[in-house]
Amino acid sequence: MRTCVGCRATEPAQVLTRVALQTVEGSTPAAVFDEQRTLGGRGAWIHPGKDCLDKALKKGAFNRAFRTRVTTDQLVIKT
């Protein structure tokens, strides 16, 4: 069971999308979707819809989940 960082609902991991950190030396770490669930390190989980992503971005949930300041520019819902 995992908790969505947007709405805080608890769901099985199969229902949620994993978000992981991607680091580039000399820049702020970036939160990216880890659809294959292969990236290492700390992860955050979110429902695949736009509503939960908007809530998470508004309340700074990714900074809290990753325990550091992260950029979220790469988190875009593909429609």
C-alpha atoms as a PDB file:
ATOM      1  CA  MET A   1       0.000   0.000   0.000  1.00  0.00           C
ATOM      2  CA  ARG A   2       1.202   3.489  -0.901  1.00  0.00           C
ATOM      3  CA  THR A   3      -0.127   6.982  -0.200  1.00  0.00           C
ATOM      4  CA  CYS A   4      -0.787   9.483  -2.989  1.00  0.00           C
ATOM      5  CA  VAL A   5       1.115  12.720  -2.289  1.00  0.00           C
ATOM      6  CA  GLY A   6      -1.697  14.712  -3.916  1.00  0.00           C
ATOM      7  CA  CYS A   7      -4.880  13.509  -2.226  1.00  0.00           C
ATOM      8  CA  ARG A   8      -3.329  11.416   0.593  1.00  0.00           C
ATOM      9  CA  ALA A   9      -5.504   8.378  -0.285  1.00  0.00           C
ATOM     10  CA  THR A  10      -3.964   4.956   0.330  1.00  0.00           C
ATOM     11  CA  GLU A  11      -3.943   2.586  -2.653  1.00  0.00           C
ATOM     12  CA  PRO A  12      -2.039  -0.497  -3.863  1.00  0.00           C
ATOM     13  CA  ALA A  13       1.179   0.413  -5.700  1.00  0.00           C
ATOM     14  CA  GLN A  14      -0.273  -0.916  -8.984  1.00  0.00           C
ATOM     15  CA  VAL A  15      -2.862   1.905  -9.001  1.00  0.00           C
ATOM     16  CA  LEU A  16      -0.364   4.735  -8.437  1.00  0.00           C
ATOM     17  CA  THR A  17       2.465   6.188 -10.536  1.00  0.00           C
ATOM     18  CA  ARG A  18       5.934   6.426  -9.010  1.00  0.00           C
ATOM     19  CA  VAL A  19       7.867   9.694  -9.082  1.00  0.00           C
ATOM     20  CA  ALA A  20      11.633   9.599  -8.482  1.00  0.00           C
ATOM     21  CA  LEU A  21      14.499  12.085  -8.317  1.00  0.00           C
ATOM     22  CA  GLN A  22      16.807  12.616 -11.245  1.00  0.00           C
ATOM     23  CA  THR A  23      19.987  14.442 -10.289  1.00  0.00           C
ATOM     24  CA  VAL A  24      22.390  16.330 -12.500  1.00  0.00           C
ATOM     25  CA  GLU A  25      25.581  17.565 -10.885  1.00  0.00           C
ATOM     26  CA  GLY A  26      25.444  21.281 -10.154  1.00  0.00           C
ATOM     27  CA  SER A  27      21.674  21.699 -10.450  1.00  0.00           C
ATOM     28  CA  THR A  28      18.555  21.202  -8.364  1.00  0.00           C
ATOM     29  CA  PRO A  29      17.263  17.597  -8.441  1.00  0.00           C
ATOM     30  CA  ALA A  30      14.254  17.100 -10.717  1.00  0.00           C
ATOM     31  CA  ALA A  31      11.170  15.021  -9.956  1.00  0.00           C
ATOM     32  CA  VAL A  32      10.372  12.738 -12.922  1.00  0.00           C
ATOM     33  CA  PHE A  33       7.788  10.045 -13.583  1.00  0.00           C
ATOM     34  CA  ASP A  34       9.285   6.572 -13.109  1.00  0.00           C
ATOM     35  CA  GLU A  35       6.775   4.579 -15.150  1.00  0.00           C
ATOM     36  CA  GLN A  36       8.998   1.476 -15.317  1.00  0.00           C
ATOM     37  CA  ARG A  37       9.747   1.745 -11.564  1.00  0.00           C
ATOM     38  CA  THR A  38      13.445   1.157 -12.191  1.00  0.00           C
ATOM     39  CA  LEU A  39      15.026   4.374 -10.910  1.00  0.00           C
ATOM     40  CA  GLY A  40      16.746   3.990  -7.576  1.00  0.00           C
ATOM     41  CA  GLY A  41      16.362   6.026  -4.431  1.00  0.00           C
ATOM     42  CA  ARG A  42      13.468   7.583  -2.618  1.00  0.00           C
ATOM     43  CA  GLY A  43      10.178   7.660  -4.481  1.00  0.00           C
ATOM     44  CA  ALA A  44       6.841   9.405  -4.154  1.00  0.00           C
ATOM     45  CA  TRP A  45       3.533   8.016  -5.369  1.00  0.00           C
ATOM     46  CA  ILE A  46       0.668   9.796  -7.090  1.00  0.00           C
ATOM     47  CA  HIS A  47      -2.589   8.966  -8.877  1.00  0.00           C
ATOM     48  CA  PRO A  48      -2.134   9.205 -12.663  1.00  0.00           C
ATOM     49  CA  GLY A  49      -4.696  12.014 -13.110  1.00  0.00           C
ATOM     50  CA  LYS A  50      -4.216  15.772 -13.336  1.00  0.00           C
ATOM     51  CA  ASP A  51      -6.197  16.544 -10.150  1.00  0.00           C
ATOM     52  CA  CYS A  52      -3.759  14.867  -7.779  1.00  0.00           C
ATOM     53  CA  LEU A  53      -0.743  16.322  -9.585  1.00  0.00           C
ATOM     54  CA  ASP A  54      -2.191  19.833  -9.289  1.00  0.00           C
ATOM     55  CA  LYS A  55      -2.846  19.330  -5.561  1.00  0.00           C
ATOM     56  CA  ALA A  56       0.656  17.987  -4.962  1.00  0.00           C
ATOM     57  CA  LEU A  57       2.297  20.868  -6.828  1.00  0.00           C
ATOM     58  CA  LYS A  58       0.172  23.471  -5.050  1.00  0.00           C
ATOM     59  CA  LYS A  59       1.053  22.249  -1.557  1.00  0.00           C
ATOM     60  CA  GLY A  60       4.729  21.449  -2.230  1.00  0.00           C
ATOM     61  CA  ALA A  61       4.240  17.745  -1.583  1.00  0.00           C
ATOM     62  CA  PHE A  62       7.229  16.634  -3.666  1.00  0.00           C
ATOM     63  CA  ASN A  63       9.665  18.790  -1.682  1.00  0.00           C
ATOM     64  CA  ARG A  64       8.306  17.217   1.491  1.00  0.00           C
ATOM     65  CA  ALA A  65       8.303  13.655   0.130  1.00  0.00           C
ATOM     66  CA  PHE A  66      11.887  13.887  -1.118  1.00  0.00           C
ATOM     67  CA  ARG A  67      13.051  15.877   1.919  1.00  0.00           C
ATOM     68  CA  THR A  68      14.769  18.452  -0.304  1.00  0.00           C
ATOM     69  CA  ARG A  69      13.907  21.200  -2.782  1.00  0.00           C
ATOM     70  CA  VAL A  70      13.162  19.706  -6.203  1.00  0.00           C
ATOM     71  CA  THR A  71      12.107  21.090  -9.569  1.00  0.00           C
ATOM     72  CA  THR A  72       8.849  19.765 -10.946  1.00  0.00           C
ATOM     73  CA  ASP A  73       9.037  21.189 -14.482  1.00  0.00           C
ATOM     74  CA  GLN A  74       9.266  17.698 -16.025  1.00  0.00           C
ATOM     75  CA  LEU A  75       6.081  16.455 -14.346  1.00  0.00           C
ATOM     76  CA  VAL A  76       3.571  16.839 -17.166  1.00  0.00           C
ATOM     77  CA  ILE A  77       0.509  14.647 -17.648  1.00  0.00           C
ATOM     78  CA  LYS A  78       0.484  13.210 -21.171  1.00  0.00           C
ATOM     79  CA  THR A  79      -2.967  13.432 -22.734  1.00  0.00           C
END
